[in-house]
Amino acid sequence: MSGVNKVTIVAFAMMLCILLQTNISKADTFLAGDANGWGFKLNGWPNGKTFKTGDVIEFKYPAGAHNVVKVDQAGFDSCNGAGGQVFASGDDKIILTQGTSYFICTIGPHCANGVKVAVTAN
């Protein structure tokens, strides 16, 4: 392999690394419920927001007062967290995958009272 080919390959590899890093660093973090946090005052959150695959939703709430359960659409519609992935730290950061992700609170009647959100990432 000639010296020119090696330089070309190294330059290409460096450019690829830069492009991948740039793409990864463009992920945004969204606070679920904005200033109100995760709770009863979601009021249409996330309407008007654009989410991408790899973005992070941060759920902030007093630990023990709420939880976050990632469920499928049936669990979301029925407020049933059975089989869902449970988060309960009070500061949960969840990376969005492509498509719609569904989150509910399974403490008491919270979900039925509106502590739930569906987020679609493109």
N, C-alpha and C. Protein backbone atom coordinates (compact mmCIF):
# COMPACT_ATOMS: atom_id res chain seq x y z
N MET A 1 0.86 -1.17 0.00
CA MET A 1 0.00 0.00 0.00
C MET A 1 0.91 1.23 0.00
N SER A 2 0.63 2.15 -0.87
CA SER A 2 1.47 3.34 -0.99
C SER A 2 1.20 4.31 0.15
N GLY A 3 2.10 5.24 0.34
CA GLY A 3 1.98 6.25 1.39
C GLY A 3 0.75 7.12 1.21
N VAL A 4 0.40 7.41 -0.05
CA VAL A 4 -0.78 8.24 -0.34
C VAL A 4 -2.04 7.52 0.10
N ASN A 5 -2.12 6.21 -0.17
CA ASN A 5 -3.30 5.44 0.22
C ASN A 5 -3.45 5.39 1.74
N LYS A 6 -2.34 5.24 2.45
CA LYS A 6 -2.39 5.20 3.92
C LYS A 6 -2.88 6.53 4.47
N VAL A 7 -2.40 7.62 3.91
CA VAL A 7 -2.82 8.94 4.36
C VAL A 7 -4.31 9.13 4.09
N THR A 8 -4.77 8.68 2.94
CA THR A 8 -6.19 8.80 2.58
C THR A 8 -7.05 8.00 3.56
N ILE A 9 -6.63 6.79 3.89
CA ILE A 9 -7.38 5.94 4.81
C ILE A 9 -7.41 6.58 6.20
N VAL A 10 -6.29 7.07 6.67
CA VAL A 10 -6.23 7.70 7.99
C VAL A 10 -7.10 8.96 8.02
N ALA A 11 -7.04 9.76 6.97
CA ALA A 11 -7.84 10.98 6.90
C ALA A 11 -9.33 10.63 6.90
N PHE A 12 -9.71 9.61 6.14
CA PHE A 12 -11.10 9.17 6.09
C PHE A 12 -11.56 8.69 7.47
N ALA A 13 -10.73 7.89 8.13
CA ALA A 13 -11.07 7.38 9.46
C ALA A 13 -11.25 8.52 10.46
N MET A 14 -10.40 9.52 10.38
CA MET A 14 -10.51 10.67 11.29
C MET A 14 -11.81 11.44 11.02
N MET A 15 -12.14 11.63 9.76
CA MET A 15 -13.37 12.35 9.41
C MET A 15 -14.59 11.58 9.90
N LEU A 16 -14.57 10.27 9.75
CA LEU A 16 -15.67 9.43 10.20
C LEU A 16 -15.84 9.55 11.71
N CYS A 17 -14.75 9.53 12.46
CA CYS A 17 -14.82 9.68 13.91
C CYS A 17 -15.41 11.04 14.30
N ILE A 18 -15.01 12.08 13.62
CA ILE A 18 -15.53 13.43 13.90
C ILE A 18 -17.02 13.49 13.62
N LEU A 19 -17.44 12.92 12.48
CA LEU A 19 -18.86 12.93 12.14
C LEU A 19 -19.68 12.14 13.15
N LEU A 20 -19.19 10.99 13.58
CA LEU A 20 -19.91 10.20 14.58
C LEU A 20 -20.01 10.94 15.90
N GLN A 21 -18.94 11.57 16.32
CA GLN A 21 -18.94 12.33 17.58
C GLN A 21 -19.92 13.50 17.48
N THR A 22 -19.94 14.19 16.35
CA THR A 22 -20.86 15.31 16.17
C THR A 22 -22.30 14.83 16.25
N ASN A 23 -22.60 13.70 15.64
CA ASN A 23 -23.96 13.17 15.65
C ASN A 23 -24.37 12.78 17.06
N ILE A 24 -23.48 12.15 17.81
CA ILE A 24 -23.78 11.75 19.18
C ILE A 24 -23.99 12.96 20.07
N SER A 25 -23.17 13.98 19.90
CA SER A 25 -23.24 15.14 20.79
C SER A 25 -24.46 16.01 20.52
N LYS A 26 -25.21 15.76 19.46
CA LYS A 26 -26.38 16.56 19.16
C LYS A 26 -27.62 16.11 19.92
N ALA A 27 -27.52 15.07 20.73
CA ALA A 27 -28.66 14.62 21.52
C ALA A 27 -29.03 15.71 22.52
N ASP A 28 -30.32 15.96 22.63
CA ASP A 28 -30.81 16.97 23.57
C ASP A 28 -31.40 16.28 24.79
N THR A 29 -31.43 17.00 25.89
CA THR A 29 -32.06 16.52 27.11
C THR A 29 -33.28 17.38 27.38
N PHE A 30 -34.41 16.73 27.61
CA PHE A 30 -35.67 17.41 27.89
C PHE A 30 -36.12 17.05 29.30
N LEU A 31 -36.53 18.04 30.06
CA LEU A 31 -37.06 17.82 31.39
C LEU A 31 -38.55 17.52 31.27
N ALA A 32 -38.95 16.32 31.63
CA ALA A 32 -40.36 15.94 31.55
C ALA A 32 -41.19 16.89 32.40
N GLY A 33 -42.19 17.50 31.79
CA GLY A 33 -43.03 18.46 32.50
C GLY A 33 -42.44 19.85 32.59
N ASP A 34 -41.29 20.05 31.93
CA ASP A 34 -40.59 21.34 32.00
C ASP A 34 -40.36 21.73 33.45
N ALA A 35 -40.61 22.97 33.82
CA ALA A 35 -40.31 23.47 35.17
C ALA A 35 -41.14 22.76 36.25
N ASN A 36 -42.30 22.22 35.87
CA ASN A 36 -43.14 21.53 36.85
C ASN A 36 -42.60 20.15 37.21
N GLY A 37 -41.76 19.59 36.38
CA GLY A 37 -41.25 18.24 36.62
C GLY A 37 -42.31 17.19 36.33
N TRP A 38 -41.99 15.95 36.68
CA TRP A 38 -42.86 14.81 36.46
C TRP A 38 -43.91 14.79 37.56
N GLY A 39 -45.15 15.01 37.18
CA GLY A 39 -46.22 15.02 38.18
C GLY A 39 -47.54 15.39 37.55
N PHE A 40 -48.42 15.97 38.35
CA PHE A 40 -49.80 16.22 37.94
C PHE A 40 -49.98 17.41 37.01
N LYS A 41 -48.97 18.21 36.79
CA LYS A 41 -49.11 19.41 35.97
C LYS A 41 -48.41 19.26 34.61
N LEU A 42 -48.59 18.12 33.97
CA LEU A 42 -47.95 17.90 32.68
C LEU A 42 -48.61 18.72 31.57
N ASN A 43 -49.91 18.96 31.68
CA ASN A 43 -50.65 19.87 30.80
C ASN A 43 -50.21 19.85 29.34
N GLY A 44 -50.29 18.71 28.68
CA GLY A 44 -49.98 18.64 27.26
C GLY A 44 -48.51 18.51 26.93
N TRP A 45 -47.65 18.45 27.92
CA TRP A 45 -46.25 18.20 27.63
C TRP A 45 -46.21 16.83 26.95
N PRO A 46 -45.65 16.63 25.86
CA PRO A 46 -44.59 17.30 25.13
C PRO A 46 -45.05 18.03 23.86
N ASN A 47 -46.28 18.49 23.80
CA ASN A 47 -46.78 19.17 22.61
C ASN A 47 -45.85 20.30 22.19
N GLY A 48 -45.57 20.37 20.89
CA GLY A 48 -44.72 21.43 20.36
C GLY A 48 -43.24 21.15 20.43
N LYS A 49 -42.84 20.02 20.98
CA LYS A 49 -41.43 19.68 21.07
C LYS A 49 -41.10 18.64 19.99
N THR A 50 -39.89 18.68 19.48
CA THR A 50 -39.43 17.71 18.49
C THR A 50 -38.34 16.86 19.13
N PHE A 51 -38.55 15.56 19.12
CA PHE A 51 -37.61 14.62 19.74
C PHE A 51 -36.94 13.78 18.67
N LYS A 52 -35.66 13.48 18.92
CA LYS A 52 -34.88 12.64 18.02
C LYS A 52 -34.46 11.37 18.75
N THR A 53 -34.25 10.33 17.98
CA THR A 53 -33.68 9.11 18.55
C THR A 53 -32.36 9.49 19.23
N GLY A 54 -32.17 9.04 20.45
CA GLY A 54 -30.96 9.35 21.21
C GLY A 54 -31.12 10.51 22.18
N ASP A 55 -32.19 11.31 22.02
CA ASP A 55 -32.45 12.37 22.99
C ASP A 55 -32.75 11.74 24.35
N VAL A 56 -32.61 12.53 25.39
CA VAL A 56 -32.81 12.05 26.75
C VAL A 56 -33.99 12.78 27.37
N ILE A 57 -34.88 12.01 28.00
CA ILE A 57 -35.94 12.60 28.81
C ILE A 57 -35.52 12.42 30.25
N GLU A 58 -35.48 13.53 30.98
CA GLU A 58 -35.12 13.48 32.40
C GLU A 58 -36.39 13.67 33.22
N PHE A 59 -36.68 12.69 34.04
CA PHE A 59 -37.86 12.71 34.90
C PHE A 59 -37.41 13.06 36.31
N LYS A 60 -37.78 14.28 36.77
CA LYS A 60 -37.43 14.73 38.12
C LYS A 60 -38.68 14.79 38.97
N TYR A 61 -38.60 14.22 40.16
CA TYR A 61 -39.73 14.16 41.08
C TYR A 61 -39.20 13.75 42.45
N PRO A 62 -39.97 14.00 43.51
CA PRO A 62 -39.53 13.54 44.83
C PRO A 62 -39.58 12.00 44.87
N ALA A 63 -38.45 11.37 45.14
CA ALA A 63 -38.40 9.91 45.21
C ALA A 63 -39.44 9.42 46.21
N GLY A 64 -40.19 8.42 45.80
CA GLY A 64 -41.25 7.86 46.64
C GLY A 64 -42.61 8.47 46.36
N ALA A 65 -42.64 9.70 45.86
CA ALA A 65 -43.91 10.36 45.55
C ALA A 65 -44.44 9.89 44.20
N HIS A 66 -43.53 9.56 43.27
CA HIS A 66 -43.89 9.09 41.94
C HIS A 66 -42.89 8.01 41.55
N ASN A 67 -43.13 7.42 40.40
CA ASN A 67 -42.14 6.60 39.71
C ASN A 67 -42.34 6.82 38.22
N VAL A 68 -41.52 6.22 37.42
CA VAL A 68 -41.66 6.27 35.97
C VAL A 68 -41.60 4.82 35.51
N VAL A 69 -42.61 4.40 34.77
CA VAL A 69 -42.62 3.05 34.22
C VAL A 69 -42.76 3.16 32.71
N LYS A 70 -41.78 2.61 32.01
CA LYS A 70 -41.83 2.60 30.54
C LYS A 70 -42.66 1.38 30.15
N VAL A 71 -43.75 1.64 29.44
CA VAL A 71 -44.70 0.59 29.08
C VAL A 71 -44.97 0.61 27.58
N ASP A 72 -45.74 -0.37 27.11
CA ASP A 72 -46.19 -0.34 25.73
C ASP A 72 -47.49 0.46 25.64
N GLN A 73 -48.03 0.61 24.44
CA GLN A 73 -49.22 1.45 24.28
C GLN A 73 -50.40 0.91 25.08
N ALA A 74 -50.56 -0.41 25.13
CA ALA A 74 -51.68 -0.98 25.90
C ALA A 74 -51.55 -0.62 27.38
N GLY A 75 -50.34 -0.70 27.92
CA GLY A 75 -50.10 -0.32 29.32
C GLY A 75 -50.35 1.15 29.54
N PHE A 76 -50.00 1.96 28.56
CA PHE A 76 -50.23 3.41 28.63
C PHE A 76 -51.73 3.70 28.63
N ASP A 77 -52.44 3.09 27.70
CA ASP A 77 -53.88 3.35 27.57
C ASP A 77 -54.66 2.90 28.80
N SER A 78 -54.23 1.78 29.41
CA SER A 78 -54.96 1.23 30.55
C SER A 78 -54.34 1.58 31.90
N CYS A 79 -53.23 2.35 31.88
CA CYS A 79 -52.49 2.67 33.12
C CYS A 79 -52.07 1.42 33.87
N ASN A 80 -51.56 0.45 33.12
CA ASN A 80 -51.11 -0.81 33.70
C ASN A 80 -49.61 -0.94 33.48
N GLY A 81 -48.85 -0.93 34.55
CA GLY A 81 -47.40 -1.00 34.46
C GLY A 81 -46.83 -2.40 34.49
N ALA A 82 -47.69 -3.44 34.54
CA ALA A 82 -47.19 -4.82 34.60
C ALA A 82 -46.26 -5.11 33.42
N GLY A 83 -45.08 -5.61 33.73
CA GLY A 83 -44.11 -5.95 32.69
C GLY A 83 -43.30 -4.77 32.19
N GLY A 84 -43.58 -3.57 32.70
CA GLY A 84 -42.85 -2.39 32.26
C GLY A 84 -41.51 -2.24 32.97
N GLN A 85 -40.70 -1.36 32.45
CA GLN A 85 -39.40 -1.07 33.06
C GLN A 85 -39.59 0.06 34.06
N VAL A 86 -39.27 -0.20 35.33
CA VAL A 86 -39.55 0.74 36.43
C VAL A 86 -38.30 1.56 36.76
N PHE A 87 -38.50 2.86 36.93
CA PHE A 87 -37.47 3.79 37.37
C PHE A 87 -38.03 4.50 38.60
N ALA A 88 -37.22 4.70 39.63
CA ALA A 88 -37.76 5.28 40.85
C ALA A 88 -36.75 6.12 41.62
N SER A 89 -35.73 6.64 40.95
CA SER A 89 -34.67 7.37 41.66
C SER A 89 -35.06 8.80 42.03
N GLY A 90 -36.05 9.35 41.33
CA GLY A 90 -36.38 10.77 41.49
C GLY A 90 -35.65 11.66 40.49
N ASP A 91 -34.68 11.09 39.79
CA ASP A 91 -33.96 11.81 38.73
C ASP A 91 -33.54 10.78 37.69
N ASP A 92 -34.53 10.34 36.91
CA ASP A 92 -34.32 9.27 35.94
C ASP A 92 -34.08 9.85 34.56
N LYS A 93 -33.02 9.40 33.91
CA LYS A 93 -32.68 9.85 32.57
C LYS A 93 -32.84 8.67 31.63
N ILE A 94 -33.76 8.82 30.66
CA ILE A 94 -34.09 7.72 29.77
C ILE A 94 -33.81 8.16 28.32
N ILE A 95 -33.02 7.36 27.63
CA ILE A 95 -32.67 7.66 26.23
C ILE A 95 -33.80 7.17 25.33
N LEU A 96 -34.25 8.04 24.45
CA LEU A 96 -35.34 7.70 23.54
C LEU A 96 -34.85 6.83 22.39
N THR A 97 -35.66 5.84 22.06
CA THR A 97 -35.42 5.03 20.88
C THR A 97 -36.40 5.51 19.80
N GLN A 98 -36.17 5.08 18.58
CA GLN A 98 -37.03 5.52 17.48
C GLN A 98 -38.45 5.01 17.68
N GLY A 99 -39.41 5.87 17.39
CA GLY A 99 -40.82 5.51 17.55
C GLY A 99 -41.39 6.17 18.79
N THR A 100 -42.52 5.65 19.25
CA THR A 100 -43.19 6.25 20.40
C THR A 100 -42.85 5.48 21.66
N SER A 101 -42.43 6.21 22.69
CA SER A 101 -42.16 5.65 24.02
C SER A 101 -43.26 6.12 24.95
N TYR A 102 -43.71 5.22 25.80
CA TYR A 102 -44.82 5.51 26.71
C TYR A 102 -44.35 5.41 28.16
N PHE A 103 -44.68 6.43 28.94
CA PHE A 103 -44.27 6.48 30.34
C PHE A 103 -45.47 6.78 31.22
N ILE A 104 -45.58 6.05 32.33
CA ILE A 104 -46.67 6.27 33.28
C ILE A 104 -46.12 6.25 34.70
N CYS A 105 -46.89 6.78 35.64
CA CYS A 105 -46.61 6.64 37.06
C CYS A 105 -47.60 5.61 37.59
N THR A 106 -47.09 4.60 38.31
CA THR A 106 -47.97 3.54 38.81
C THR A 106 -48.29 3.67 40.29
N ILE A 107 -47.97 4.80 40.89
CA ILE A 107 -48.29 4.99 42.30
C ILE A 107 -49.73 5.47 42.42
N GLY A 108 -50.52 4.71 43.17
CA GLY A 108 -51.92 5.05 43.38
C GLY A 108 -52.63 5.32 42.07
N PRO A 109 -53.52 6.31 42.05
CA PRO A 109 -54.27 6.64 40.82
C PRO A 109 -53.56 7.70 39.97
N HIS A 110 -52.26 7.88 40.16
CA HIS A 110 -51.54 8.96 39.47
C HIS A 110 -51.72 8.91 37.96
N CYS A 111 -51.52 7.73 37.37
CA CYS A 111 -51.64 7.62 35.91
C CYS A 111 -53.04 8.02 35.46
N ALA A 112 -54.05 7.49 36.12
CA ALA A 112 -55.45 7.82 35.76
C ALA A 112 -55.72 9.31 35.92
N ASN A 113 -54.95 9.98 36.78
CA ASN A 113 -55.10 11.42 37.01
C ASN A 113 -54.14 12.24 36.15
N GLY A 114 -53.54 11.61 35.14
CA GLY A 114 -52.77 12.37 34.16
C GLY A 114 -51.27 12.31 34.24
N VAL A 115 -50.70 11.52 35.15
CA VAL A 115 -49.25 11.44 35.24
C VAL A 115 -48.79 10.34 34.28
N LYS A 116 -48.80 10.72 32.99
CA LYS A 116 -48.41 9.83 31.91
C LYS A 116 -48.08 10.68 30.68
N VAL A 117 -47.19 10.16 29.86
CA VAL A 117 -46.81 10.91 28.67
C VAL A 117 -46.32 9.93 27.59
N ALA A 118 -46.67 10.26 26.35
CA ALA A 118 -46.16 9.51 25.19
C ALA A 118 -45.26 10.46 24.40
N VAL A 119 -44.08 9.98 24.03
CA VAL A 119 -43.10 10.80 23.33
C VAL A 119 -42.66 10.06 22.07
N THR A 120 -42.74 10.74 20.93
CA THR A 120 -42.35 10.13 19.66
C THR A 120 -41.03 10.73 19.19
N ALA A 121 -40.05 9.86 18.97
CA ALA A 121 -38.72 10.27 18.48
C ALA A 121 -38.55 9.80 17.05
N ASN A 122 -38.04 10.70 16.21
CA ASN A 122 -37.79 10.36 14.81
C ASN A 122 -36.32 10.06 14.60
